[in-house]
């Protein structure tokens, strides 16, 4: 597995945790931010599980979950931006990171399912 993917997704998880802390402490927003925390940190957690997969199918399934979590995270980021909880600059940066992870995961999934 691409160790770079794990590093990028772990760094993204840290950003998500910090965003959650900001949203709950500064903005007093607890519902949407909790959803963001769950989906955003789940991306790397499932990549970690894929690293220990017992079969190609298990590997693919875990990466597919990571991919779907990226899409969900992008949704929560959009909603938080459109409701004024995060500013445009933060949104664009985090959304771009999530999009990059989703593209990498999609490429790996596409290649692994062709074999």
N, C-alpha and C. Protein backbone atom coordinates (compact mmCIF):
# COMPACT_ATOMS: atom_id res chain seq x y z
N UNK A 1 0.85 -1.19 0.00
CA UNK A 1 0.00 0.00 0.00
C UNK A 1 0.88 1.23 0.00
N UNK A 2 0.38 2.26 -0.61
CA UNK A 2 1.08 3.53 -0.71
C UNK A 2 1.19 4.19 0.67
N UNK A 3 2.40 4.18 1.23
CA UNK A 3 2.62 4.78 2.55
C UNK A 3 2.34 6.28 2.52
N UNK A 4 2.54 6.90 1.37
CA UNK A 4 2.25 8.31 1.20
C UNK A 4 0.76 8.59 1.43
N UNK A 5 -0.09 7.69 0.99
CA UNK A 5 -1.54 7.83 1.19
C UNK A 5 -1.85 7.84 2.69
N UNK A 6 -1.22 6.92 3.42
CA UNK A 6 -1.45 6.87 4.87
C UNK A 6 -1.00 8.18 5.52
N UNK A 7 0.18 8.67 5.15
CA UNK A 7 0.70 9.91 5.73
C UNK A 7 -0.22 11.09 5.43
N UNK A 8 -0.68 11.19 4.18
CA UNK A 8 -1.57 12.29 3.80
C UNK A 8 -2.90 12.20 4.54
N UNK A 9 -3.42 11.00 4.65
CA UNK A 9 -4.72 10.85 5.32
C UNK A 9 -4.58 11.07 6.82
N UNK A 10 -3.44 10.71 7.40
CA UNK A 10 -3.22 10.95 8.83
C UNK A 10 -3.10 12.45 9.09
N UNK A 11 -2.37 13.15 8.24
CA UNK A 11 -2.25 14.61 8.37
C UNK A 11 -3.63 15.26 8.23
N UNK A 12 -4.46 14.73 7.33
CA UNK A 12 -5.82 15.25 7.16
C UNK A 12 -6.64 15.00 8.43
N UNK A 13 -6.46 13.83 9.03
CA UNK A 13 -7.17 13.53 10.29
C UNK A 13 -6.83 14.55 11.36
N UNK A 14 -5.58 14.94 11.42
CA UNK A 14 -5.16 15.95 12.41
C UNK A 14 -5.87 17.28 12.13
N UNK A 15 -5.94 17.65 10.86
CA UNK A 15 -6.66 18.89 10.49
C UNK A 15 -8.13 18.81 10.90
N UNK A 16 -8.72 17.64 10.70
CA UNK A 16 -10.12 17.44 11.05
C UNK A 16 -10.33 17.59 12.56
N UNK A 17 -9.44 16.98 13.35
CA UNK A 17 -9.55 17.08 14.80
C UNK A 17 -9.43 18.54 15.24
N UNK A 18 -8.49 19.26 14.65
CA UNK A 18 -8.31 20.67 15.00
C UNK A 18 -9.52 21.50 14.57
N UNK A 19 -10.10 21.17 13.42
CA UNK A 19 -11.32 21.87 12.99
C UNK A 19 -12.46 21.60 13.95
N UNK A 20 -12.57 20.35 14.39
CA UNK A 20 -13.61 19.99 15.37
C UNK A 20 -13.42 20.79 16.67
N UNK A 21 -12.18 20.87 17.13
CA UNK A 21 -11.90 21.62 18.36
C UNK A 21 -12.30 23.09 18.20
N UNK A 22 -11.94 23.67 17.06
CA UNK A 22 -12.30 25.07 16.78
C UNK A 22 -13.83 25.23 16.74
N UNK A 23 -14.49 24.35 16.00
CA UNK A 23 -15.94 24.48 15.85
C UNK A 23 -16.68 24.32 17.17
N UNK A 24 -16.23 23.38 17.99
CA UNK A 24 -16.92 23.16 19.26
C UNK A 24 -16.55 24.22 20.30
N UNK A 25 -15.27 24.62 20.36
CA UNK A 25 -14.84 25.60 21.35
C UNK A 25 -15.22 27.03 20.99
N UNK A 26 -14.92 27.42 19.74
CA UNK A 26 -15.11 28.82 19.33
C UNK A 26 -16.50 29.12 18.78
N UNK A 27 -17.02 28.22 17.98
CA UNK A 27 -18.31 28.45 17.31
C UNK A 27 -19.49 27.84 18.07
N UNK A 28 -19.18 27.03 19.07
CA UNK A 28 -20.21 26.34 19.85
C UNK A 28 -21.14 25.51 18.95
N UNK A 29 -20.54 24.89 17.94
CA UNK A 29 -21.27 24.04 17.01
C UNK A 29 -20.88 22.60 17.33
N UNK A 30 -21.87 21.76 17.67
CA UNK A 30 -21.57 20.42 18.17
C UNK A 30 -22.10 19.28 17.31
N UNK A 31 -23.08 19.53 16.48
CA UNK A 31 -23.71 18.45 15.73
C UNK A 31 -23.00 18.21 14.39
N UNK A 32 -22.93 19.22 13.55
CA UNK A 32 -22.27 19.07 12.25
C UNK A 32 -20.79 18.77 12.42
N UNK A 33 -20.15 19.42 13.40
CA UNK A 33 -18.72 19.22 13.62
C UNK A 33 -18.43 17.79 14.06
N UNK A 34 -19.34 17.18 14.81
CA UNK A 34 -19.16 15.79 15.24
C UNK A 34 -19.24 14.86 14.03
N UNK A 35 -20.12 15.16 13.11
CA UNK A 35 -20.23 14.36 11.88
C UNK A 35 -18.95 14.49 11.06
N UNK A 36 -18.43 15.70 10.98
CA UNK A 36 -17.17 15.94 10.27
C UNK A 36 -16.04 15.16 10.92
N UNK A 37 -15.99 15.17 12.25
CA UNK A 37 -14.96 14.45 12.99
C UNK A 37 -15.02 12.96 12.69
N UNK A 38 -16.22 12.41 12.70
CA UNK A 38 -16.39 10.97 12.46
C UNK A 38 -15.95 10.57 11.04
N UNK A 39 -16.48 11.27 10.04
CA UNK A 39 -16.16 10.89 8.66
C UNK A 39 -14.72 11.23 8.30
N UNK A 40 -14.25 12.38 8.76
CA UNK A 40 -12.90 12.83 8.40
C UNK A 40 -11.79 11.98 8.98
N UNK A 41 -11.99 11.48 10.20
CA UNK A 41 -10.97 10.62 10.81
C UNK A 41 -11.12 9.17 10.38
N UNK A 42 -12.27 8.81 9.90
CA UNK A 42 -12.51 7.44 9.44
C UNK A 42 -11.74 7.13 8.16
N UNK A 43 -11.41 8.14 7.39
CA UNK A 43 -10.67 7.93 6.14
C UNK A 43 -9.36 7.20 6.42
N UNK A 44 -8.55 7.75 7.31
CA UNK A 44 -7.26 7.14 7.62
C UNK A 44 -7.42 5.84 8.40
N UNK A 45 -8.42 5.78 9.27
CA UNK A 45 -8.65 4.55 10.05
C UNK A 45 -8.90 3.36 9.13
N UNK A 46 -9.67 3.58 8.08
CA UNK A 46 -9.94 2.49 7.14
C UNK A 46 -8.74 2.17 6.25
N UNK A 47 -7.93 3.17 5.97
CA UNK A 47 -6.68 2.92 5.23
C UNK A 47 -5.76 2.06 6.09
N UNK A 48 -5.71 2.36 7.38
CA UNK A 48 -4.90 1.55 8.31
C UNK A 48 -5.40 0.12 8.34
N UNK A 49 -6.72 -0.06 8.35
CA UNK A 49 -7.29 -1.41 8.33
C UNK A 49 -6.97 -2.11 7.01
N UNK A 50 -6.99 -1.37 5.92
CA UNK A 50 -6.67 -1.97 4.61
C UNK A 50 -5.25 -2.49 4.59
N UNK A 51 -4.35 -1.81 5.30
CA UNK A 51 -2.97 -2.26 5.37
C UNK A 51 -2.85 -3.64 6.01
N UNK A 52 -3.82 -4.01 6.82
CA UNK A 52 -3.82 -5.33 7.46
C UNK A 52 -4.83 -6.28 6.86
N UNK A 53 -5.27 -5.99 5.66
CA UNK A 53 -6.30 -6.82 5.02
C UNK A 53 -5.83 -8.26 4.84
N UNK A 54 -6.78 -9.19 4.96
CA UNK A 54 -6.45 -10.61 4.82
C UNK A 54 -6.67 -11.13 3.40
N UNK A 55 -7.26 -10.30 2.57
CA UNK A 55 -7.50 -10.70 1.18
C UNK A 55 -7.60 -9.45 0.31
N UNK A 56 -7.55 -9.65 -1.00
CA UNK A 56 -7.71 -8.52 -1.93
C UNK A 56 -9.11 -7.91 -1.79
N UNK A 57 -10.10 -8.76 -1.56
CA UNK A 57 -11.47 -8.26 -1.40
C UNK A 57 -11.58 -7.41 -0.14
N UNK A 58 -10.96 -7.85 0.95
CA UNK A 58 -10.97 -7.11 2.20
C UNK A 58 -10.26 -5.77 2.01
N UNK A 59 -9.12 -5.79 1.35
CA UNK A 59 -8.35 -4.58 1.05
C UNK A 59 -9.21 -3.59 0.26
N UNK A 60 -9.84 -4.07 -0.78
CA UNK A 60 -10.66 -3.23 -1.63
C UNK A 60 -11.86 -2.67 -0.86
N UNK A 61 -12.46 -3.48 -0.03
CA UNK A 61 -13.63 -3.04 0.74
C UNK A 61 -13.26 -1.91 1.70
N UNK A 62 -12.13 -2.04 2.38
CA UNK A 62 -11.69 -1.00 3.32
C UNK A 62 -11.37 0.30 2.59
N UNK A 63 -10.72 0.20 1.45
CA UNK A 63 -10.41 1.41 0.69
C UNK A 63 -11.67 2.05 0.13
N UNK A 64 -12.66 1.23 -0.22
CA UNK A 64 -13.92 1.77 -0.72
C UNK A 64 -14.63 2.54 0.39
N UNK A 65 -14.57 2.03 1.61
CA UNK A 65 -15.14 2.75 2.75
C UNK A 65 -14.42 4.08 2.93
N UNK A 66 -13.09 4.07 2.83
CA UNK A 66 -12.32 5.32 2.93
C UNK A 66 -12.75 6.32 1.86
N UNK A 67 -12.94 5.83 0.65
CA UNK A 67 -13.39 6.69 -0.45
C UNK A 67 -14.75 7.32 -0.13
N UNK A 68 -15.68 6.50 0.34
CA UNK A 68 -17.01 7.02 0.67
C UNK A 68 -16.95 8.02 1.82
N UNK A 69 -16.06 7.77 2.78
CA UNK A 69 -15.89 8.71 3.90
C UNK A 69 -15.34 10.05 3.40
N UNK A 70 -14.49 10.01 2.39
CA UNK A 70 -14.00 11.26 1.77
C UNK A 70 -15.16 12.06 1.19
N UNK A 71 -16.04 11.37 0.49
CA UNK A 71 -17.19 12.04 -0.11
C UNK A 71 -18.09 12.64 0.97
N UNK A 72 -18.29 11.88 2.04
CA UNK A 72 -19.12 12.39 3.14
C UNK A 72 -18.46 13.60 3.80
N UNK A 73 -17.16 13.53 3.99
CA UNK A 73 -16.42 14.63 4.60
C UNK A 73 -16.54 15.89 3.76
N UNK A 74 -16.46 15.74 2.45
CA UNK A 74 -16.62 16.89 1.56
C UNK A 74 -18.01 17.51 1.72
N UNK A 75 -19.01 16.67 1.91
CA UNK A 75 -20.38 17.16 2.13
C UNK A 75 -20.45 18.00 3.41
N UNK A 76 -19.91 17.47 4.53
CA UNK A 76 -19.96 18.19 5.80
C UNK A 76 -19.19 19.50 5.72
N UNK A 77 -18.05 19.49 5.04
CA UNK A 77 -17.29 20.72 4.85
C UNK A 77 -18.10 21.76 4.08
N UNK A 78 -18.78 21.31 3.03
CA UNK A 78 -19.62 22.22 2.25
C UNK A 78 -20.75 22.80 3.10
N UNK A 79 -21.39 21.95 3.87
CA UNK A 79 -22.49 22.40 4.71
C UNK A 79 -22.01 23.38 5.78
N UNK A 80 -20.87 23.08 6.39
CA UNK A 80 -20.32 23.99 7.40
C UNK A 80 -19.92 25.33 6.78
N UNK A 81 -19.43 25.31 5.55
CA UNK A 81 -19.08 26.54 4.86
C UNK A 81 -20.32 27.34 4.48
N UNK A 82 -21.29 26.66 3.91
CA UNK A 82 -22.50 27.35 3.45
C UNK A 82 -23.37 27.88 4.59
N UNK A 83 -23.16 27.36 5.80
CA UNK A 83 -23.90 27.86 6.96
C UNK A 83 -23.07 28.83 7.80
N UNK A 84 -21.87 29.17 7.31
CA UNK A 84 -21.07 30.20 7.95
C UNK A 84 -20.22 29.74 9.13
N UNK A 85 -20.11 28.46 9.36
CA UNK A 85 -19.30 27.98 10.47
C UNK A 85 -17.80 27.92 10.15
N UNK A 86 -17.47 27.72 8.86
CA UNK A 86 -16.07 27.81 8.45
C UNK A 86 -15.98 28.77 7.27
N UNK A 87 -14.88 29.49 7.23
CA UNK A 87 -14.72 30.50 6.18
C UNK A 87 -14.31 29.85 4.85
N UNK A 88 -14.37 30.63 3.79
CA UNK A 88 -14.09 30.11 2.45
C UNK A 88 -12.67 29.57 2.31
N UNK A 89 -11.71 30.26 2.89
CA UNK A 89 -10.31 29.83 2.78
C UNK A 89 -10.10 28.46 3.44
N UNK A 90 -10.63 28.29 4.64
CA UNK A 90 -10.52 27.01 5.35
C UNK A 90 -11.23 25.92 4.56
N UNK A 91 -12.44 26.25 4.11
CA UNK A 91 -13.21 25.28 3.32
C UNK A 91 -12.44 24.83 2.09
N UNK A 92 -11.95 25.77 1.32
CA UNK A 92 -11.27 25.44 0.07
C UNK A 92 -10.03 24.57 0.32
N UNK A 93 -9.27 24.90 1.34
CA UNK A 93 -8.07 24.13 1.66
C UNK A 93 -8.40 22.71 2.10
N UNK A 94 -9.36 22.59 3.00
CA UNK A 94 -9.72 21.25 3.51
C UNK A 94 -10.44 20.43 2.45
N UNK A 95 -11.30 21.08 1.68
CA UNK A 95 -12.04 20.38 0.61
C UNK A 95 -11.07 19.87 -0.44
N UNK A 96 -10.06 20.68 -0.76
CA UNK A 96 -9.04 20.29 -1.73
C UNK A 96 -8.26 19.06 -1.23
N UNK A 97 -7.92 19.05 0.06
CA UNK A 97 -7.22 17.90 0.64
C UNK A 97 -8.08 16.64 0.57
N UNK A 98 -9.35 16.78 0.92
CA UNK A 98 -10.27 15.63 0.87
C UNK A 98 -10.43 15.14 -0.56
N UNK A 99 -10.50 16.07 -1.49
CA UNK A 99 -10.64 15.71 -2.90
C UNK A 99 -9.40 14.97 -3.41
N UNK A 100 -8.22 15.41 -2.98
CA UNK A 100 -6.98 14.74 -3.37
C UNK A 100 -6.97 13.30 -2.84
N UNK A 101 -7.36 13.13 -1.58
CA UNK A 101 -7.41 11.78 -1.01
C UNK A 101 -8.41 10.91 -1.78
N UNK A 102 -9.57 11.47 -2.10
CA UNK A 102 -10.59 10.72 -2.84
C UNK A 102 -10.06 10.29 -4.20
N UNK A 103 -9.35 11.15 -4.88
CA UNK A 103 -8.80 10.82 -6.20
C UNK A 103 -7.76 9.71 -6.11
N UNK A 104 -6.90 9.78 -5.09
CA UNK A 104 -5.89 8.73 -4.90
C UNK A 104 -6.58 7.39 -4.61
N UNK A 105 -7.54 7.42 -3.71
CA UNK A 105 -8.26 6.19 -3.35
C UNK A 105 -9.00 5.61 -4.56
N UNK A 106 -9.63 6.48 -5.33
CA UNK A 106 -10.36 6.02 -6.52
C UNK A 106 -9.41 5.35 -7.51
N UNK A 107 -8.24 5.93 -7.70
CA UNK A 107 -7.25 5.36 -8.62
C UNK A 107 -6.79 3.99 -8.13
N UNK A 108 -6.51 3.87 -6.84
CA UNK A 108 -6.09 2.58 -6.29
C UNK A 108 -7.21 1.55 -6.43
N UNK A 109 -8.43 1.97 -6.13
CA UNK A 109 -9.56 1.05 -6.25
C UNK A 109 -9.76 0.58 -7.68
N UNK A 110 -9.66 1.52 -8.61
CA UNK A 110 -9.83 1.18 -10.02
C UNK A 110 -8.79 0.17 -10.45
N UNK A 111 -7.52 0.39 -10.07
CA UNK A 111 -6.45 -0.53 -10.44
C UNK A 111 -6.59 -1.87 -9.74
N UNK A 112 -6.96 -1.88 -8.48
CA UNK A 112 -7.06 -3.13 -7.74
C UNK A 112 -8.24 -3.98 -8.20
N UNK A 113 -9.28 -3.36 -8.68
CA UNK A 113 -10.43 -4.12 -9.15
C UNK A 113 -10.27 -4.63 -10.56
N UNK A 114 -9.30 -4.08 -11.29
CA UNK A 114 -9.02 -4.56 -12.66
C UNK A 114 -8.20 -5.83 -12.65
N UNK A 115 -7.43 -6.04 -11.58
CA UNK A 115 -6.52 -7.18 -11.53
C UNK A 115 -7.26 -8.48 -11.28
